[in-house]
């Protein structure tokens, strides 16, 4: 079922409470922060164990671009590209994307197919606007799609007589083979939007608003027993969307600094 993790992941100060679809944004990263222990006093929502804050690379005022290609075994290809375009005094635009694919090494002997394959795509666009001398607005949009094969598994020991035939067949197969017959897959689509507006009221006070929205859809099929008996096939459908808004008033003085804020978070979904 759905439960909040004790260690929360944040992307650009936006809480990502569900693990599904969270690992497709690790490209063109500006930095990663790790905060130990209970969090939520100075930013974000309550979390008991700690927080991992992933910050994507922000748009810059100089033109830049890069292309990276990785090739590996099992038909592995990882392509990452970025282009950063300055918009003069208005701001800057940064677009980055990633494609990752890998063949499988586990075989379903019934379907004669490799099923633990990986095929993932993600694209991110970040826009920075200078709305006057004291107001900065930064918006990030990211879409990711995961179209992977299943994880796979098989039973190696059981006292249940229903597994007798399956265990006998298991002994004749290789370590990386199953006899499932279930077309396993994992499909995930994720949309992410965050916007941060910073208003420098004067040299001492700063007003900051952080808005975030995420939408995630998952559909996967697995076969836990790895036999033709279809004893433990599992199909899972998860839909989740969330909206949050945080407002902060920050003050800087000679002897102390302060932060005063409010946080709103609403999440809906089904599992």
Protein backbone atom coordinates (compact mmCIF):
# COMPACT_ATOMS: atom_id res chain seq x y z
CA UNK A 1 0.00 0.00 0.00
CA UNK A 2 0.91 3.68 0.04
CA UNK A 3 2.83 4.93 3.07
CA UNK A 4 5.06 7.93 3.72
CA UNK A 5 8.78 7.12 3.86
CA UNK A 6 10.78 8.00 6.96
CA UNK A 7 13.41 9.65 4.72
CA UNK A 8 11.81 12.01 2.21
CA UNK A 9 13.07 12.93 -1.24
CA UNK A 10 12.74 16.53 -2.41
CA UNK A 11 13.23 17.80 -5.96
CA UNK A 12 13.81 21.57 -5.99
CA UNK A 13 12.20 21.84 -2.52
CA UNK A 14 9.12 19.85 -3.67
CA UNK A 15 8.36 16.73 -1.62
CA UNK A 16 8.30 13.45 -3.59
CA UNK A 17 6.52 11.06 -1.21
CA UNK A 18 6.19 8.10 -3.61
CA UNK A 19 9.13 6.03 -4.80
CA UNK A 20 7.53 5.24 -8.17
CA UNK A 21 8.92 7.53 -10.85
CA UNK A 22 11.29 9.30 -8.45
CA UNK A 23 14.53 7.90 -9.89
CA UNK A 24 14.15 9.27 -13.44
CA UNK A 25 15.29 12.82 -12.65
CA UNK A 26 18.98 12.21 -11.92
CA UNK A 27 20.46 14.08 -14.89
CA UNK A 28 21.81 17.63 -15.26
CA UNK A 29 21.92 17.81 -11.47
CA UNK A 30 23.15 20.95 -9.74
CA UNK A 31 23.62 19.42 -6.29
CA UNK A 32 22.37 16.96 -3.69
CA UNK A 33 21.88 17.75 -0.01
CA UNK A 34 21.41 15.18 2.75
CA UNK A 35 19.77 16.31 5.99
CA UNK A 36 19.85 13.90 8.93
CA UNK A 37 17.09 13.53 11.50
CA UNK A 38 13.56 15.02 11.67
CA UNK A 39 12.89 17.75 9.11
CA UNK A 40 10.06 20.14 8.37
CA UNK A 41 10.82 23.03 10.72
CA UNK A 42 12.67 25.17 8.16
CA UNK A 43 11.24 23.81 4.91
CA UNK A 44 8.83 21.29 3.44
CA UNK A 45 6.62 18.78 5.19
CA UNK A 46 7.27 16.69 8.27
CA UNK A 47 9.63 13.75 7.93
CA UNK A 48 11.02 11.65 10.76
CA UNK A 49 14.30 10.16 9.52
CA UNK A 50 15.83 12.76 7.24
CA UNK A 51 15.63 14.30 3.80
CA UNK A 52 17.48 14.05 0.48
CA UNK A 53 17.19 17.28 -1.53
CA UNK A 54 17.94 17.01 -5.24
CA UNK A 55 18.48 20.35 -6.96
CA UNK A 56 18.45 20.44 -10.73
CA UNK A 57 20.88 22.70 -12.58
CA UNK A 58 19.42 26.18 -12.89
CA UNK A 59 19.43 28.34 -16.05
CA UNK A 60 22.56 30.47 -16.45
CA UNK A 61 23.25 33.78 -18.20
CA UNK A 62 25.89 32.27 -20.53
CA UNK A 63 25.28 29.94 -23.45
CA UNK A 64 26.36 26.33 -22.86
CA UNK A 65 25.56 22.84 -24.11
CA UNK A 66 26.77 19.27 -23.77
CA UNK A 67 26.14 15.78 -25.08
CA UNK A 68 27.09 12.61 -23.23
CA UNK A 69 26.92 9.05 -24.54
CA UNK A 70 27.55 5.87 -22.56
CA UNK A 71 27.68 2.40 -24.12
CA UNK A 72 27.83 -0.85 -22.16
CA UNK A 73 27.12 -4.54 -22.26
CA UNK A 74 23.61 -5.97 -22.60
CA UNK A 75 22.91 -3.36 -25.31
CA UNK A 76 23.17 -0.53 -22.78
CA UNK A 77 22.91 3.01 -24.16
CA UNK A 78 22.64 6.12 -22.00
CA UNK A 79 22.32 9.47 -23.77
CA UNK A 80 22.18 12.82 -21.95
CA UNK A 81 22.03 16.26 -23.56
CA UNK A 82 21.58 19.87 -22.45
CA UNK A 83 21.39 23.34 -23.96
CA UNK A 84 21.32 26.60 -21.98
CA UNK A 85 20.18 29.75 -23.80
CA UNK A 86 20.47 33.24 -22.24
CA UNK A 87 17.52 35.58 -22.83
CA UNK A 88 19.33 38.83 -22.17
CA UNK A 89 18.10 40.84 -19.22
CA UNK A 90 14.85 38.83 -19.22
CA UNK A 91 16.44 35.63 -17.90
CA UNK A 92 17.53 32.27 -19.30
CA UNK A 93 16.15 28.96 -20.59
CA UNK A 94 17.68 25.53 -19.97
CA UNK A 95 16.49 22.28 -21.60
CA UNK A 96 17.94 18.86 -20.75
CA UNK A 97 16.98 15.29 -21.55
CA UNK A 98 18.02 11.72 -20.99
CA UNK A 99 17.43 8.36 -22.66
CA UNK A 100 18.49 5.11 -21.02
CA UNK A 101 18.01 1.60 -22.37
CA UNK A 102 19.37 -1.81 -21.48
CA UNK A 103 18.62 -5.33 -22.62
CA UNK A 104 17.63 -8.08 -20.22
CA UNK A 105 19.63 -10.97 -18.83
CA UNK A 106 16.68 -12.96 -17.40
CA UNK A 107 14.77 -15.22 -19.78
CA UNK A 108 11.20 -16.50 -19.65
CA UNK A 109 11.45 -19.90 -21.33
CA UNK A 110 7.68 -20.04 -21.97
CA UNK A 111 7.55 -16.73 -23.86
CA UNK A 112 11.16 -16.98 -25.07
CA UNK A 113 11.82 -13.33 -24.16
CA UNK A 114 14.12 -11.25 -21.98
CA UNK A 115 11.90 -9.53 -19.48
CA UNK A 116 14.04 -7.38 -17.16
CA UNK A 117 14.75 -4.77 -19.82
CA UNK A 118 15.03 -1.01 -19.24
CA UNK A 119 13.71 1.77 -21.49
CA UNK A 120 13.45 5.21 -19.87
CA UNK A 121 13.10 8.76 -21.22
CA UNK A 122 12.98 12.09 -19.43
CA UNK A 123 13.01 15.75 -20.45
CA UNK A 124 13.25 18.89 -18.33
CA UNK A 125 12.79 22.56 -19.17
CA UNK A 126 13.76 25.30 -16.73
CA UNK A 127 12.94 28.99 -17.22
CA UNK A 128 14.35 31.83 -15.16
CA UNK A 129 12.74 35.28 -15.39
CA UNK A 130 14.00 38.51 -13.89
CA UNK A 131 10.83 40.47 -13.11
CA UNK A 132 12.47 43.71 -12.11
CA UNK A 133 15.49 44.35 -9.93
CA UNK A 134 14.16 42.52 -6.86
CA UNK A 135 11.87 39.75 -8.20
CA UNK A 136 13.13 36.43 -9.61
CA UNK A 137 10.85 33.69 -10.95
CA UNK A 138 12.10 30.16 -11.70
CA UNK A 139 9.89 27.43 -13.20
CA UNK A 140 10.82 23.81 -13.92
CA UNK A 141 8.77 21.28 -15.88
CA UNK A 142 9.80 17.65 -16.20
CA UNK A 143 8.19 14.65 -17.88
CA UNK A 144 9.50 11.11 -17.59
CA UNK A 145 8.37 7.79 -19.03
CA UNK A 146 9.46 4.34 -17.94
CA UNK A 147 8.67 1.31 -20.09
CA UNK A 148 10.59 -1.51 -18.43
CA UNK A 149 10.28 -5.27 -18.28
CA UNK A 150 9.40 -7.02 -15.05
CA UNK A 151 11.72 -7.84 -12.19
CA UNK A 152 11.21 -11.58 -12.13
CA UNK A 153 11.68 -14.25 -9.50
CA UNK A 154 11.08 -17.91 -8.76
CA UNK A 155 10.42 -20.27 -5.87
CA UNK A 156 13.35 -22.48 -4.83
CA UNK A 157 11.84 -24.31 -1.83
CA UNK A 158 8.35 -24.98 -0.53
CA UNK A 159 6.45 -27.51 1.59
CA UNK A 160 3.33 -26.85 -0.47
CA UNK A 161 2.49 -29.71 -2.84
CA UNK A 162 1.23 -27.22 -5.40
CA UNK A 163 4.83 -26.22 -6.05
CA UNK A 164 6.11 -29.78 -6.59
CA UNK A 165 5.94 -29.73 -10.40
CA UNK A 166 7.28 -26.20 -10.54
CA UNK A 167 10.22 -27.01 -8.28
CA UNK A 168 11.07 -30.08 -10.37
CA UNK A 169 11.11 -27.96 -13.52
CA UNK A 170 13.12 -25.30 -11.70
CA UNK A 171 15.94 -27.79 -11.16
CA UNK A 172 16.33 -28.26 -14.92
CA UNK A 173 16.64 -24.56 -15.76
CA UNK A 174 19.54 -22.15 -15.56
CA UNK A 175 19.97 -19.59 -12.79
CA UNK A 176 18.76 -16.74 -15.04
CA UNK A 177 15.71 -18.57 -16.41
CA UNK A 178 12.10 -18.73 -15.28
CA UNK A 179 9.10 -20.63 -16.57
CA UNK A 180 6.49 -17.97 -16.01
CA UNK A 181 4.50 -17.24 -19.16
CA UNK A 182 3.38 -13.89 -17.71
CA UNK A 183 4.24 -10.86 -19.91
CA UNK A 184 5.78 -8.81 -17.12
CA UNK A 185 6.25 -5.04 -17.45
CA UNK A 186 6.50 -1.78 -15.51
CA UNK A 187 5.09 1.41 -17.03
CA UNK A 188 5.40 4.73 -15.17
CA UNK A 189 4.54 8.25 -16.35
CA UNK A 190 5.46 11.23 -14.19
CA UNK A 191 4.78 14.96 -14.58
CA UNK A 192 6.56 17.45 -12.30
CA UNK A 193 6.18 21.24 -12.08
CA UNK A 194 7.81 23.55 -9.55
CA UNK A 195 7.91 27.32 -9.36
CA UNK A 196 9.91 29.49 -6.98
CA UNK A 197 9.33 33.25 -6.80
CA UNK A 198 11.73 35.34 -4.70
CA UNK A 199 10.96 38.96 -3.80
CA UNK A 200 13.70 40.92 -2.07
CA UNK A 201 11.70 43.42 -0.05
CA UNK A 202 14.86 45.25 1.04
CA UNK A 203 18.40 44.43 2.16
CA UNK A 204 17.09 42.61 5.26
CA UNK A 205 13.84 40.90 4.27
CA UNK A 206 13.09 38.39 1.54
CA UNK A 207 9.73 36.86 0.60
CA UNK A 208 9.80 33.46 -1.09
CA UNK A 209 6.98 31.34 -2.53
CA UNK A 210 7.45 27.71 -3.62
CA UNK A 211 4.71 25.96 -5.60
CA UNK A 212 4.82 22.33 -6.69
CA UNK A 213 2.68 19.81 -8.56
CA UNK A 214 3.32 16.15 -9.40
CA UNK A 215 1.25 13.56 -11.23
CA UNK A 216 2.27 9.90 -11.37
CA UNK A 217 0.69 6.84 -12.99
CA UNK A 218 2.07 3.31 -12.63
CA UNK A 219 0.96 0.01 -14.12
CA UNK A 220 3.01 -3.13 -13.65
CA UNK A 221 2.70 -6.90 -13.85
CA UNK A 222 4.91 -9.35 -12.01
CA UNK A 223 4.99 -13.11 -11.40
CA UNK A 224 6.50 -13.89 -8.01
CA UNK A 225 6.58 -17.69 -8.22
CA UNK A 226 8.12 -18.01 -11.71
CA UNK A 227 6.17 -21.17 -12.60
CA UNK A 228 3.40 -22.03 -15.06
CA UNK A 229 0.97 -22.51 -12.17
CA UNK A 230 0.19 -18.76 -11.94
CA UNK A 231 0.07 -18.96 -8.16
CA UNK A 232 1.37 -15.45 -7.47
CA UNK A 233 0.92 -13.16 -10.46
CA UNK A 234 0.56 -9.57 -9.26
CA UNK A 235 -0.87 -6.67 -11.24
CA UNK A 236 -0.62 -3.22 -9.65
CA UNK A 237 -2.13 0.09 -10.74
CA UNK A 238 -1.15 3.25 -8.85
CA UNK A 239 -2.39 6.77 -9.56
CA UNK A 240 -1.20 9.74 -7.53
CA UNK A 241 -1.19 13.50 -7.81
CA UNK A 242 -0.22 16.21 -5.37
CA UNK A 243 -0.09 19.97 -4.99
CA UNK A 244 1.85 21.98 -2.47
CA UNK A 245 2.64 25.59 -1.69
CA UNK A 246 5.11 27.05 0.76
CA UNK A 247 5.60 30.70 1.62
CA UNK A 248 8.58 31.99 3.58
CA UNK A 249 9.57 35.32 5.07
CA UNK A 250 13.32 35.43 5.66
CA UNK A 251 15.09 38.10 7.70
CA UNK A 252 18.78 38.83 8.09
CA UNK A 253 20.19 40.93 10.93
CA UNK A 254 23.63 41.52 12.40
CA UNK A 255 23.19 39.08 15.29
CA UNK A 256 20.52 36.65 14.10
CA UNK A 257 18.56 35.38 11.10
CA UNK A 258 14.97 34.16 11.08
CA UNK A 259 12.54 32.33 8.82
CA UNK A 260 8.75 32.44 9.19
CA UNK A 261 6.62 30.33 6.91
CA UNK A 262 3.53 28.31 6.14
CA UNK A 263 3.14 25.05 4.21
CA UNK A 264 0.22 23.43 2.41
CA UNK A 265 0.23 19.92 0.94
CA UNK A 266 -2.59 17.90 -0.59
CA UNK A 267 -2.30 14.46 -2.12
CA UNK A 268 -4.83 12.17 -3.75
CA UNK A 269 -4.39 8.75 -5.27
CA UNK A 270 -5.36 5.14 -5.54
CA UNK A 271 -3.41 1.90 -5.21
